[in-house]
PDB file of all heavy atoms in Angstrom:
ATOM      1  N   LEU A   1     204.714 -59.080 320.548  1.00  0.00           N
ATOM      2  CA  LEU A   1     204.418 -58.130 319.470  1.00  0.00           C
ATOM      3  C   LEU A   1     203.581 -58.787 318.373  1.00  0.00           C
ATOM      4  O   LEU A   1     202.670 -58.161 317.814  1.00  0.00           O
ATOM      5  CB  LEU A   1     205.712 -57.570 318.896  1.00  0.00           C
ATOM      6  CG  LEU A   1     206.535 -56.681 319.834  1.00  0.00           C
ATOM      7  CD1 LEU A   1     207.839 -56.263 319.165  1.00  0.00           C
ATOM      8  CD2 LEU A   1     205.737 -55.448 320.253  1.00  0.00           C
ATOM      9  N   LEU A   2     203.875 -60.055 318.063  1.00  0.00           N
ATOM     10  CA  LEU A   2     203.077 -60.761 317.061  1.00  0.00           C
ATOM     11  C   LEU A   2     201.648 -60.985 317.557  1.00  0.00           C
ATOM     12  O   LEU A   2     200.698 -60.915 316.769  1.00  0.00           O
ATOM     13  CB  LEU A   2     203.734 -62.092 316.718  1.00  0.00           C
ATOM     14  CG  LEU A   2     204.991 -62.017 315.842  1.00  0.00           C
ATOM     15  CD1 LEU A   2     205.633 -63.386 315.703  1.00  0.00           C
ATOM     16  CD2 LEU A   2     204.655 -61.443 314.462  1.00  0.00           C
ATOM     17  N   GLU A   3     201.502 -61.232 318.848  1.00  0.00           N
ATOM     18  CA  GLU A   3     200.155 -61.387 319.400  1.00  0.00           C
ATOM     19  C   GLU A   3     199.389 -60.066 319.320  1.00  0.00           C
ATOM     20  O   GLU A   3     198.181 -60.055 319.025  1.00  0.00           O
ATOM     21  CB  GLU A   3     200.243 -61.889 320.842  1.00  0.00           C
ATOM     22  CG  GLU A   3     200.681 -63.344 320.930  1.00  0.00           C
ATOM     23  CD  GLU A   3     200.959 -63.788 322.347  1.00  0.00           C
ATOM     24  OE1 GLU A   3     200.928 -62.931 323.271  1.00  0.00           O
ATOM     25  OE2 GLU A   3     201.230 -64.993 322.542  1.00  0.00           O
ATOM     26  N   ALA A   4     200.069 -58.955 319.569  1.00  0.00           N
ATOM     27  CA  ALA A   4     199.433 -57.643 319.424  1.00  0.00           C
ATOM     28  C   ALA A   4     199.056 -57.401 317.962  1.00  0.00           C
ATOM     29  O   ALA A   4     197.957 -56.893 317.658  1.00  0.00           O
ATOM     30  CB  ALA A   4     200.370 -56.542 319.917  1.00  0.00           C
ATOM     31  N   ALA A   5     199.947 -57.768 317.040  1.00  0.00           N
ATOM     32  CA  ALA A   5     199.659 -57.617 315.613  1.00  0.00           C
ATOM     33  C   ALA A   5     198.459 -58.464 315.224  1.00  0.00           C
ATOM     34  O   ALA A   5     197.591 -58.026 314.450  1.00  0.00           O
ATOM     35  CB  ALA A   5     200.876 -58.007 314.786  1.00  0.00           C
ATOM     36  N   ASP A   6     198.375 -59.683 315.754  1.00  0.00           N
ATOM     37  CA  ASP A   6     197.232 -60.560 315.476  1.00  0.00           C
ATOM     38  C   ASP A   6     195.920 -59.902 315.902  1.00  0.00           C
ATOM     39  O   ASP A   6     194.911 -59.981 315.195  1.00  0.00           O
ATOM     40  CB  ASP A   6     197.392 -61.881 316.220  1.00  0.00           C
ATOM     41  CG  ASP A   6     197.839 -63.006 315.299  1.00  0.00           C
ATOM     42  OD1 ASP A   6     197.726 -62.861 314.071  1.00  0.00           O
ATOM     43  OD2 ASP A   6     198.305 -64.039 315.814  1.00  0.00           O
ATOM     44  N   ARG A   7     195.923 -59.276 317.073  1.00  0.00           N
ATOM     45  CA  ARG A   7     194.696 -58.647 317.556  1.00  0.00           C
ATOM     46  C   ARG A   7     194.260 -57.511 316.622  1.00  0.00           C
ATOM     47  O   ARG A   7     193.064 -57.356 316.344  1.00  0.00           O
ATOM     48  CB  ARG A   7     194.899 -58.116 318.982  1.00  0.00           C
ATOM     49  CG  ARG A   7     195.080 -59.214 320.032  1.00  0.00           C
ATOM     50  CD  ARG A   7     194.974 -58.678 321.449  1.00  0.00           C
ATOM     51  NE  ARG A   7     196.040 -57.746 321.791  1.00  0.00           N
ATOM     52  CZ  ARG A   7     197.221 -58.112 322.312  1.00  0.00           C
ATOM     53  NH1 ARG A   7     197.483 -59.403 322.528  1.00  0.00           N
ATOM     54  NH2 ARG A   7     198.138 -57.206 322.623  1.00  0.00           N
ATOM     55  N   VAL A   8     195.223 -56.737 316.151  1.00  0.00           N
ATOM     56  CA  VAL A   8     194.893 -55.641 315.240  1.00  0.00           C
ATOM     57  C   VAL A   8     194.409 -56.191 313.899  1.00  0.00           C
ATOM     58  O   VAL A   8     193.436 -55.691 313.315  1.00  0.00           O
ATOM     59  CB  VAL A   8     196.108 -54.719 315.024  1.00  0.00           C
ATOM     60  CG1 VAL A   8     195.810 -53.658 313.971  1.00  0.00           C
ATOM     61  CG2 VAL A   8     196.492 -54.051 316.348  1.00  0.00           C
ATOM     62  N   VAL A   9     195.061 -57.234 313.400  1.00  0.00           N
ATOM     63  CA  VAL A   9     194.651 -57.825 312.122  1.00  0.00           C
ATOM     64  C   VAL A   9     193.251 -58.418 312.234  1.00  0.00           C
ATOM     65  O   VAL A   9     192.438 -58.287 311.313  1.00  0.00           O
ATOM     66  CB  VAL A   9     195.673 -58.891 311.671  1.00  0.00           C
ATOM     67  CG1 VAL A   9     195.140 -59.680 310.480  1.00  0.00           C
ATOM     68  CG2 VAL A   9     197.000 -58.238 311.303  1.00  0.00           C
ATOM     69  N   LEU A  10     192.945 -59.056 313.349  1.00  0.00           N
ATOM     70  CA  LEU A  10     191.593 -59.596 313.547  1.00  0.00           C
ATOM     71  C   LEU A  10     190.549 -58.491 313.525  1.00  0.00           C
ATOM     72  O   LEU A  10     189.417 -58.694 313.082  1.00  0.00           O
ATOM     73  CB  LEU A  10     191.521 -60.346 314.880  1.00  0.00           C
ATOM     74  CG  LEU A  10     192.068 -61.771 314.883  1.00  0.00           C
ATOM     75  CD1 LEU A  10     192.137 -62.316 316.310  1.00  0.00           C
ATOM     76  CD2 LEU A  10     191.191 -62.684 314.034  1.00  0.00           C
ATOM     77  N   ARG A  11     190.933 -57.307 313.983  1.00  0.00           N
ATOM     78  CA  ARG A  11     190.013 -56.174 314.014  1.00  0.00           C
ATOM     79  C   ARG A  11     189.948 -55.440 312.684  1.00  0.00           C
ATOM     80  O   ARG A  11     188.867 -55.099 312.199  1.00  0.00           O
ATOM     81  CB  ARG A  11     190.457 -55.201 315.116  1.00  0.00           C
ATOM     82  CG  ARG A  11     189.509 -54.020 315.334  1.00  0.00           C
ATOM     83  CD  ARG A  11     190.115 -53.032 316.308  1.00  0.00           C
ATOM     84  NE  ARG A  11     191.237 -52.303 315.710  1.00  0.00           N
ATOM     85  CZ  ARG A  11     192.348 -51.975 316.374  1.00  0.00           C
ATOM     86  NH1 ARG A  11     192.505 -52.318 317.647  1.00  0.00           N
ATOM     87  NH2 ARG A  11     193.317 -51.309 315.767  1.00  0.00           N
ATOM     88  N   ASP A  12     191.112 -55.214 312.061  1.00  0.00           N
ATOM     89  CA  ASP A  12     191.190 -54.326 310.900  1.00  0.00           C
ATOM     90  C   ASP A  12     191.421 -55.035 309.569  1.00  0.00           C
ATOM     91  O   ASP A  12     191.292 -54.415 308.514  1.00  0.00           O
ATOM     92  CB  ASP A  12     192.314 -53.306 311.094  1.00  0.00           C
ATOM     93  CG  ASP A  12     192.087 -52.421 312.312  1.00  0.00           C
ATOM     94  OD1 ASP A  12     190.928 -52.338 312.775  1.00  0.00           O
ATOM     95  OD2 ASP A  12     193.058 -51.823 312.801  1.00  0.00           O
ATOM     96  N   GLY A  13     191.792 -56.300 309.597  1.00  0.00           N
ATOM     97  CA  GLY A  13     192.046 -57.022 308.353  1.00  0.00           C
ATOM     98  C   GLY A  13     193.179 -56.401 307.560  1.00  0.00           C
ATOM     99  O   GLY A  13     194.195 -55.984 308.131  1.00  0.00           O
ATOM    100  N   PRO A  14     193.033 -56.325 306.222  1.00  0.00           N
ATOM    101  CA  PRO A  14     194.105 -55.792 305.378  1.00  0.00           C
ATOM    102  C   PRO A  14     194.469 -54.341 305.674  1.00  0.00           C
ATOM    103  O   PRO A  14     195.528 -53.874 305.265  1.00  0.00           O
ATOM    104  CB  PRO A  14     193.529 -55.919 303.958  1.00  0.00           C
ATOM    105  CG  PRO A  14     192.472 -56.952 304.062  1.00  0.00           C
ATOM    106  CD  PRO A  14     191.890 -56.802 305.428  1.00  0.00           C
ATOM    107  N   LYS A  15     193.602 -53.616 306.378  1.00  0.00           N
ATOM    108  CA  LYS A  15     193.881 -52.216 306.699  1.00  0.00           C
ATOM    109  C   LYS A  15     194.779 -52.063 307.935  1.00  0.00           C
ATOM    110  O   LYS A  15     195.128 -50.933 308.300  1.00  0.00           O
ATOM    111  CB  LYS A  15     192.570 -51.465 306.939  1.00  0.00           C
ATOM    112  CG  LYS A  15     191.647 -51.425 305.722  1.00  0.00           C
ATOM    113  CD  LYS A  15     190.360 -50.703 306.063  1.00  0.00           C
ATOM    114  CE  LYS A  15     189.374 -50.747 304.897  1.00  0.00           C
ATOM    115  NZ  LYS A  15     188.095 -50.086 305.234  1.00  0.00           N
ATOM    116  N   ALA A  16     195.149 -53.173 308.555  1.00  0.00           N
ATOM    117  CA  ALA A  16     195.997 -53.091 309.751  1.00  0.00           C
ATOM    118  C   ALA A  16     197.277 -52.329 309.440  1.00  0.00           C
ATOM    119  O   ALA A  16     197.969 -52.624 308.477  1.00  0.00           O
ATOM    120  CB  ALA A  16     196.331 -54.497 310.245  1.00  0.00           C
ATOM    121  N   SER A  17     197.574 -51.325 310.249  1.00  0.00           N
ATOM    122  CA  SER A  17     198.741 -50.473 310.008  1.00  0.00           C
ATOM    123  C   SER A  17     199.791 -50.677 311.089  1.00  0.00           C
ATOM    124  O   SER A  17     199.504 -51.159 312.198  1.00  0.00           O
ATOM    125  CB  SER A  17     198.317 -49.001 309.995  1.00  0.00           C
ATOM    126  OG  SER A  17     197.928 -48.581 311.292  1.00  0.00           O
ATOM    127  N   MET A  18     201.005 -50.308 310.749  1.00  0.00           N
ATOM    128  CA  MET A  18     202.090 -50.385 311.743  1.00  0.00           C
ATOM    129  C   MET A  18     201.801 -49.468 312.925  1.00  0.00           C
ATOM    130  O   MET A  18     202.123 -49.791 314.072  1.00  0.00           O
ATOM    131  CB  MET A  18     203.417 -50.020 311.085  1.00  0.00           C
ATOM    132  CG  MET A  18     203.865 -50.971 309.987  1.00  0.00           C
ATOM    133  SD  MET A  18     204.333 -52.606 310.597  1.00  0.00           S
ATOM    134  CE  MET A  18     206.068 -52.334 311.009  1.00  0.00           C
ATOM    135  N   ASN A  19     201.196 -48.306 312.676  1.00  0.00           N
ATOM    136  CA  ASN A  19     200.842 -47.385 313.761  1.00  0.00           C
ATOM    137  C   ASN A  19     199.884 -48.051 314.738  1.00  0.00           C
ATOM    138  O   ASN A  19     200.053 -47.968 315.959  1.00  0.00           O
ATOM    139  CB  ASN A  19     200.197 -46.116 313.198  1.00  0.00           C
ATOM    140  CG  ASN A  19     201.219 -45.136 312.666  1.00  0.00           C
ATOM    141  OD1 ASN A  19     202.343 -45.072 313.156  1.00  0.00           O
ATOM    142  ND2 ASN A  19     200.849 -44.364 311.654  1.00  0.00           N
ATOM    143  N   ALA A  20     198.836 -48.717 314.190  1.00  0.00           N
ATOM    144  CA  ALA A  20     197.841 -49.356 315.044  1.00  0.00           C
ATOM    145  C   ALA A  20     198.453 -50.515 315.823  1.00  0.00           C
ATOM    146  O   ALA A  20     198.136 -50.731 316.997  1.00  0.00           O
ATOM    147  CB  ALA A  20     196.668 -49.847 314.192  1.00  0.00           C
ATOM    148  N   ILE A  21     199.336 -51.260 315.173  1.00  0.00           N
ATOM    149  CA  ILE A  21     199.976 -52.396 315.849  1.00  0.00           C
ATOM    150  C   ILE A  21     200.898 -51.909 316.966  1.00  0.00           C
ATOM    151  O   ILE A  21     200.912 -52.464 318.071  1.00  0.00           O
ATOM    152  CB  ILE A  21     200.737 -53.255 314.824  1.00  0.00           C
ATOM    153  CG1 ILE A  21     199.734 -53.943 313.881  1.00  0.00           C
ATOM    154  CG2 ILE A  21     201.611 -54.295 315.524  1.00  0.00           C
ATOM    155  CD1 ILE A  21     200.360 -54.580 312.664  1.00  0.00           C
ATOM    156  N   ALA A  22     201.662 -50.852 316.691  1.00  0.00           N
ATOM    157  CA  ALA A  22     202.537 -50.288 317.723  1.00  0.00           C
ATOM    158  C   ALA A  22     201.711 -49.795 318.909  1.00  0.00           C
ATOM    159  O   ALA A  22     202.077 -50.029 320.076  1.00  0.00           O
ATOM    160  CB  ALA A  22     203.370 -49.153 317.138  1.00  0.00           C
ATOM    161  N   ALA A  23     200.589 -49.126 318.632  1.00  0.00           N
ATOM    162  CA  ALA A  23     199.727 -48.637 319.707  1.00  0.00           C
ATOM    163  C   ALA A  23     199.163 -49.790 320.528  1.00  0.00           C
ATOM    164  O   ALA A  23     199.111 -49.732 321.764  1.00  0.00           O
ATOM    165  CB  ALA A  23     198.597 -47.791 319.122  1.00  0.00           C
ATOM    166  N   GLU A  24     198.745 -50.851 319.841  1.00  0.00           N
ATOM    167  CA  GLU A  24     198.199 -52.013 320.535  1.00  0.00           C
ATOM    168  C   GLU A  24     199.249 -52.647 321.446  1.00  0.00           C
ATOM    169  O   GLU A  24     198.933 -53.128 322.547  1.00  0.00           O
ATOM    170  CB  GLU A  24     197.710 -53.046 319.508  1.00  0.00           C
ATOM    171  CG  GLU A  24     197.196 -54.354 320.088  1.00  0.00           C
ATOM    172  CD  GLU A  24     195.873 -54.202 320.833  1.00  0.00           C
ATOM    173  OE1 GLU A  24     195.143 -53.218 320.568  1.00  0.00           O
ATOM    174  OE2 GLU A  24     195.588 -55.055 321.694  1.00  0.00           O
ATOM    175  N   ALA A  25     200.503 -52.646 320.993  1.00  0.00           N
ATOM    176  CA  ALA A  25     201.589 -53.237 321.773  1.00  0.00           C
ATOM    177  C   ALA A  25     202.112 -52.292 322.849  1.00  0.00           C
ATOM    178  O   ALA A  25     202.926 -52.703 323.687  1.00  0.00           O
ATOM    179  CB  ALA A  25     202.735 -53.642 320.846  1.00  0.00           C
ATOM    180  N   GLY A  26     201.678 -51.031 322.823  1.00  0.00           N
ATOM    181  CA  GLY A  26     202.143 -50.066 323.815  1.00  0.00           C
ATOM    182  C   GLY A  26     203.554 -49.587 323.589  1.00  0.00           C
ATOM    183  O   GLY A  26     204.275 -49.272 324.544  1.00  0.00           O
ATOM    184  N   ILE A  27     203.953 -49.537 322.304  1.00  0.00           N
ATOM    185  CA  ILE A  27     205.302 -49.087 321.960  1.00  0.00           C
ATOM    186  C   ILE A  27     205.203 -48.063 320.847  1.00  0.00           C
ATOM    187  O   ILE A  27     204.118 -47.785 320.321  1.00  0.00           O
ATOM    188  CB  ILE A  27     206.200 -50.258 321.500  1.00  0.00           C
ATOM    189  CG1 ILE A  27     205.580 -50.923 320.258  1.00  0.00           C
ATOM    190  CG2 ILE A  27     206.409 -51.259 322.622  1.00  0.00           C
ATOM    191  CD1 ILE A  27     206.462 -52.001 319.652  1.00  0.00           C
ATOM    192  N   THR A  28     206.339 -47.469 320.478  1.00  0.00           N
ATOM    193  CA  THR A  28     206.363 -46.551 319.349  1.00  0.00           C
ATOM    194  C   THR A  28     206.663 -47.331 318.062  1.00  0.00           C
ATOM    195  O   THR A  28     207.204 -48.438 318.098  1.00  0.00           O
ATOM    196  CB  THR A  28     207.446 -45.472 319.538  1.00  0.00           C
ATOM    197  OG1 THR A  28     208.729 -46.118 319.603  1.00  0.00           O
ATOM    198  CG2 THR A  28     207.195 -44.677 320.812  1.00  0.00           C
ATOM    199  N   LYS A  29     206.322 -46.734 316.931  1.00  0.00           N
ATOM    200  CA  LYS A  29     206.547 -47.415 315.660  1.00  0.00           C
ATOM    201  C   LYS A  29     208.032 -47.692 315.404  1.00  0.00           C
ATOM    202  O   LYS A  29     208.364 -48.771 314.883  1.00  0.00           O
ATOM    203  CB  LYS A  29     205.918 -46.628 314.506  1.00  0.00           C
ATOM    204  CG  LYS A  29     205.851 -47.451 313.232  1.00  0.00           C
ATOM    205  CD  LYS A  29     204.815 -46.956 312.236  1.00  0.00           C
ATOM    206  CE  LYS A  29     205.230 -45.672 311.579  1.00  0.00           C
ATOM    207  NZ  LYS A  29     204.368 -45.335 310.411  1.00  0.00           N
ATOM    208  N   PRO A  30     208.956 -46.789 315.763  1.00  0.00           N
ATOM    209  CA  PRO A  30     210.374 -47.123 315.559  1.00  0.00           C
ATOM    210  C   PRO A  30     210.821 -48.395 316.282  1.00  0.00           C
ATOM    211  O   PRO A  30     211.657 -49.137 315.767  1.00  0.00           O
ATOM    212  CB  PRO A  30     211.097 -45.885 316.104  1.00  0.00           C
ATOM    213  CG  PRO A  30     210.129 -44.770 315.899  1.00  0.00           C
ATOM    214  CD  PRO A  30     208.781 -45.375 316.164  1.00  0.00           C
ATOM    215  N   ILE A  31     210.240 -48.645 317.457  1.00  0.00           N
ATOM    216  CA  ILE A  31     210.582 -49.882 318.172  1.00  0.00           C
ATOM    217  C   ILE A  31     210.053 -51.096 317.410  1.00  0.00           C
ATOM    218  O   ILE A  31     210.721 -52.131 317.304  1.00  0.00           O
ATOM    219  CB  ILE A  31     210.034 -49.854 319.616  1.00  0.00           C
ATOM    220  CG1 ILE A  31     210.734 -48.756 320.412  1.00  0.00           C
ATOM    221  CG2 ILE A  31     210.208 -51.213 320.293  1.00  0.00           C
ATOM    222  CD1 ILE A  31     210.201 -48.580 321.824  1.00  0.00           C
ATOM    223  N   LEU A  32     208.845 -50.958 316.853  1.00  0.00           N
ATOM    224  CA  LEU A  32     208.283 -52.045 316.054  1.00  0.00           C
ATOM    225  C   LEU A  32     209.159 -52.312 314.833  1.00  0.00           C
ATOM    226  O   LEU A  32     209.435 -53.476 314.490  1.00  0.00           O
ATOM    227  CB  LEU A  32     206.858 -51.683 315.626  1.00  0.00           C
ATOM    228  CG  LEU A  32     206.017 -52.797 314.994  1.00  0.00           C
ATOM    229  CD1 LEU A  32     205.824 -53.959 315.956  1.00  0.00           C
ATOM    230  CD2 LEU A  32     204.648 -52.237 314.570  1.00  0.00           C
ATOM    231  N   TYR A  33     209.631 -51.240 314.191  1.00  0.00           N
ATOM    232  CA  TYR A  33     210.530 -51.392 313.047  1.00  0.00           C
ATOM    233  C   TYR A  33     211.838 -52.076 313.465  1.00  0.00           C
ATOM    234  O   TYR A  33     212.429 -52.832 312.685  1.00  0.00           O
ATOM    235  CB  TYR A  33     210.842 -50.025 312.431  1.00  0.00           C
ATOM    236  CG  TYR A  33     209.768 -49.498 311.523  1.00  0.00           C
ATOM    237  CD1 TYR A  33     209.282 -48.199 311.683  1.00  0.00           C
ATOM    238  CD2 TYR A  33     209.244 -50.274 310.503  1.00  0.00           C
ATOM    239  CE1 TYR A  33     208.289 -47.700 310.839  1.00  0.00           C
ATOM    240  CE2 TYR A  33     208.257 -49.785 309.655  1.00  0.00           C
ATOM    241  CZ  TYR A  33     207.780 -48.502 309.827  1.00  0.00           C
ATOM    242  OH  TYR A  33     206.805 -48.024 308.994  1.00  0.00           O
ATOM    243  N   ARG A  34     212.277 -51.805 314.675  1.00  0.00           N
ATOM    244  CA  ARG A  34     213.527 -52.401 315.144  1.00  0.00           C
ATOM    245  C   ARG A  34     213.411 -53.920 315.202  1.00  0.00           C
ATOM    246  O   ARG A  34     214.375 -54.645 314.966  1.00  0.00           O
ATOM    247  CB  ARG A  34     213.873 -51.846 316.527  1.00  0.00           C
ATOM    248  CG  ARG A  34     215.267 -52.219 317.017  1.00  0.00           C
ATOM    249  CD  ARG A  34     215.485 -51.684 318.426  1.00  0.00           C
ATOM    250  NE  ARG A  34     215.183 -50.255 318.534  1.00  0.00           N
ATOM    251  CZ  ARG A  34     214.844 -49.638 319.663  1.00  0.00           C
ATOM    252  NH1 ARG A  34     214.745 -50.339 320.789  1.00  0.00           N
ATOM    253  NH2 ARG A  34     214.592 -48.333 319.680  1.00  0.00           N
ATOM    254  N   HIS A  35     212.217 -54.411 315.522  1.00  0.00           N
ATOM    255  CA  HIS A  35     212.007 -55.856 315.615  1.00  0.00           C
ATOM    256  C   HIS A  35     211.744 -56.511 314.256  1.00  0.00           C
ATOM    257  O   HIS A  35     212.147 -57.654 314.037  1.00  0.00           O
ATOM    258  CB  HIS A  35     210.827 -56.156 316.548  1.00  0.00           C
ATOM    259  CG  HIS A  35     211.152 -56.018 318.002  1.00  0.00           C
ATOM    260  ND1 HIS A  35     211.673 -57.050 318.755  1.00  0.00           N
ATOM    261  CD2 HIS A  35     211.035 -54.951 318.838  1.00  0.00           C
ATOM    262  CE1 HIS A  35     211.857 -56.640 319.993  1.00  0.00           C
ATOM    263  NE2 HIS A  35     211.477 -55.377 320.079  1.00  0.00           N
ATOM    264  N   PHE A  36     211.044 -55.803 313.345  1.00  0.00           N
ATOM    265  CA  PHE A  36     210.596 -56.447 312.102  1.00  0.00           C
ATOM    266  C   PHE A  36     211.102 -55.763 310.835  1.00  0.00           C
ATOM    267  O   PHE A  36     210.930 -56.303 309.740  1.00  0.00           O
ATOM    268  CB  PHE A  36     209.061 -56.510 312.060  1.00  0.00           C
ATOM    269  CG  PHE A  36     208.479 -57.319 313.183  1.00  0.00           C
ATOM    270  CD1 PHE A  36     207.902 -56.700 314.282  1.00  0.00           C
ATOM    271  CD2 PHE A  36     208.517 -58.705 313.151  1.00  0.00           C
ATOM    272  CE1 PHE A  36     207.366 -57.447 315.320  1.00  0.00           C
ATOM    273  CE2 PHE A  36     207.987 -59.467 314.188  1.00  0.00           C
ATOM    274  CZ  PHE A  36     207.412 -58.831 315.273  1.00  0.00           C
ATOM    275  N   GLY A  37     211.687 -54.581 310.953  1.00  0.00           N
ATOM    276  CA  GLY A  37     212.215 -53.879 309.787  1.00  0.00           C
ATOM    277  C   GLY A  37     211.192 -53.006 309.110  1.00  0.00           C
ATOM    278  O   GLY A  37     211.337 -51.789 309.061  1.00  0.00           O
ATOM    279  N   ASP A  38     210.119 -53.616 308.587  1.00  0.00           N
ATOM    280  CA  ASP A  38     209.048 -52.874 307.919  1.00  0.00           C
ATOM    281  C   ASP A  38     207.805 -53.743 307.923  1.00  0.00           C
ATOM    282  O   ASP A  38     207.784 -54.819 308.539  1.00  0.00           O
ATOM    283  CB  ASP A  38     209.453 -52.473 306.490  1.00  0.00           C
ATOM    284  CG  ASP A  38     209.850 -53.676 305.637  1.00  0.00           C
ATOM    285  OD1 ASP A  38     209.577 -54.826 306.045  1.00  0.00           O
ATOM    286  OD2 ASP A  38     210.432 -53.466 304.563  1.00  0.00           O
ATOM    287  N   LYS A  39     206.761 -53.301 307.224  1.00  0.00           N
ATOM    288  CA  LYS A  39     205.536 -54.087 307.222  1.00  0.00           C
ATOM    289  C   LYS A  39     205.748 -55.440 306.554  1.00  0.00           C
ATOM    290  O   LYS A  39     205.124 -56.440 306.929  1.00  0.00           O
ATOM    291  CB  LYS A  39     204.406 -53.329 306.526  1.00  0.00           C
ATOM    292  CG  LYS A  39     203.035 -53.984 306.760  1.00  0.00           C
ATOM    293  CD  LYS A  39     201.903 -53.162 306.176  1.00  0.00           C
ATOM    294  CE  LYS A  39     200.570 -53.822 306.495  1.00  0.00           C
ATOM    295  NZ  LYS A  39     199.433 -53.098 305.902  1.00  0.00           N
ATOM    296  N   GLY A  40     206.638 -55.484 305.558  1.00  0.00           N
ATOM    297  CA  GLY A  40     206.946 -56.757 304.927  1.00  0.00           C
ATOM    298  C   GLY A  40     207.546 -57.752 305.908  1.00  0.00           C
ATOM    299  O   GLY A  40     207.222 -58.942 305.893  1.00  0.00           O
ATOM    300  N   GLY A  41     208.430 -57.280 306.786  1.00  0.00           N
ATOM    301  CA  GLY A  41     209.027 -58.147 307.789  1.00  0.00           C
ATOM    302  C   GLY A  41     207.994 -58.655 308.781  1.00  0.00           C
ATOM    303  O   GLY A  41     208.011 -59.824 309.184  1.00  0.00           O
ATOM    304  N   LEU A  42     207.098 -57.760 309.196  1.00  0.00           N
ATOM    305  CA  LEU A  42     206.030 -58.163 310.099  1.00  0.00           C
ATOM    306  C   LEU A  42     205.109 -59.163 309.413  1.00  0.00           C
ATOM    307  O   LEU A  42     204.697 -60.162 310.004  1.00  0.00           O
ATOM    308  CB  LEU A  42     205.236 -56.932 310.554  1.00  0.00           C
ATOM    309  CG  LEU A  42     204.028 -57.202 311.455  1.00  0.00           C
ATOM    310  CD1 LEU A  42     204.464 -57.848 312.755  1.00  0.00           C
ATOM    311  CD2 LEU A  42     203.276 -55.904 311.722  1.00  0.00           C
ATOM    312  N   TYR A  43     204.793 -58.902 308.147  1.00  0.00           N
ATOM    313  CA  TYR A  43     203.943 -59.807 307.380  1.00  0.00           C
ATOM    314  C   TYR A  43     204.561 -61.204 307.345  1.00  0.00           C
ATOM    315  O   TYR A  43     203.884 -62.202 307.581  1.00  0.00           O
ATOM    316  CB  TYR A  43     203.758 -59.277 305.952  1.00  0.00           C
ATOM    317  CG  TYR A  43     203.019 -60.238 305.053  1.00  0.00           C
ATOM    318  CD1 TYR A  43     201.656 -60.102 304.831  1.00  0.00           C
ATOM    319  CD2 TYR A  43     203.681 -61.293 304.446  1.00  0.00           C
ATOM    320  CE1 TYR A  43     200.986 -60.992 304.034  1.00  0.00           C
ATOM    321  CE2 TYR A  43     203.021 -62.191 303.647  1.00  0.00           C
ATOM    322  CZ  TYR A  43     201.662 -62.043 303.440  1.00  0.00           C
ATOM    323  OH  TYR A  43     201.004 -62.942 302.647  1.00  0.00           O
ATOM    324  N   ARG A  44     205.851 -61.279 307.036  1.00  0.00           N
ATOM    325  CA  ARG A  44     206.502 -62.590 306.938  1.00  0.00           C
ATOM    326  C   ARG A  44     206.468 -63.328 308.270  1.00  0.00           C
ATOM    327  O   ARG A  44     206.274 -64.552 308.311  1.00  0.00           O
ATOM    328  CB  ARG A  44     207.944 -62.424 306.452  1.00  0.00           C
ATOM    329  CG  ARG A  44     208.046 -62.065 304.980  1.00  0.00           C
ATOM    330  CD  ARG A  44     209.481 -62.097 304.489  1.00  0.00           C
ATOM    331  NE  ARG A  44     210.303 -61.052 305.091  1.00  0.00           N
ATOM    332  CZ  ARG A  44     210.400 -59.816 304.606  1.00  0.00           C
ATOM    333  NH1 ARG A  44     209.715 -59.467 303.529  1.00  0.00           N
ATOM    334  NH2 ARG A  44     211.181 -58.930 305.196  1.00  0.00           N
ATOM    335  N   ALA A  45     206.647 -62.597 309.364  1.00  0.00           N
ATOM    336  CA  ALA A  45     206.599 -63.225 310.683  1.00  0.00           C
ATOM    337  C   ALA A  45     205.199 -63.745 310.996  1.00  0.00           C
ATOM    338  O   ALA A  45     205.032 -64.853 311.512  1.00  0.00           O
ATOM    339  CB  ALA A  45     207.048 -62.235 311.754  1.00  0.00           C
TER     340      ALA A  45
END
């Protein structure tokens, strides 16, 4: 999931969204939240 997030961040920079990251990972946003809590949790990771 972090590798998928990296790919989105490389493409979108600060505009990277949880929706785009979930889509890149092939999962739904609630599943992404289950792993990281929120965007702050993903950011910290």
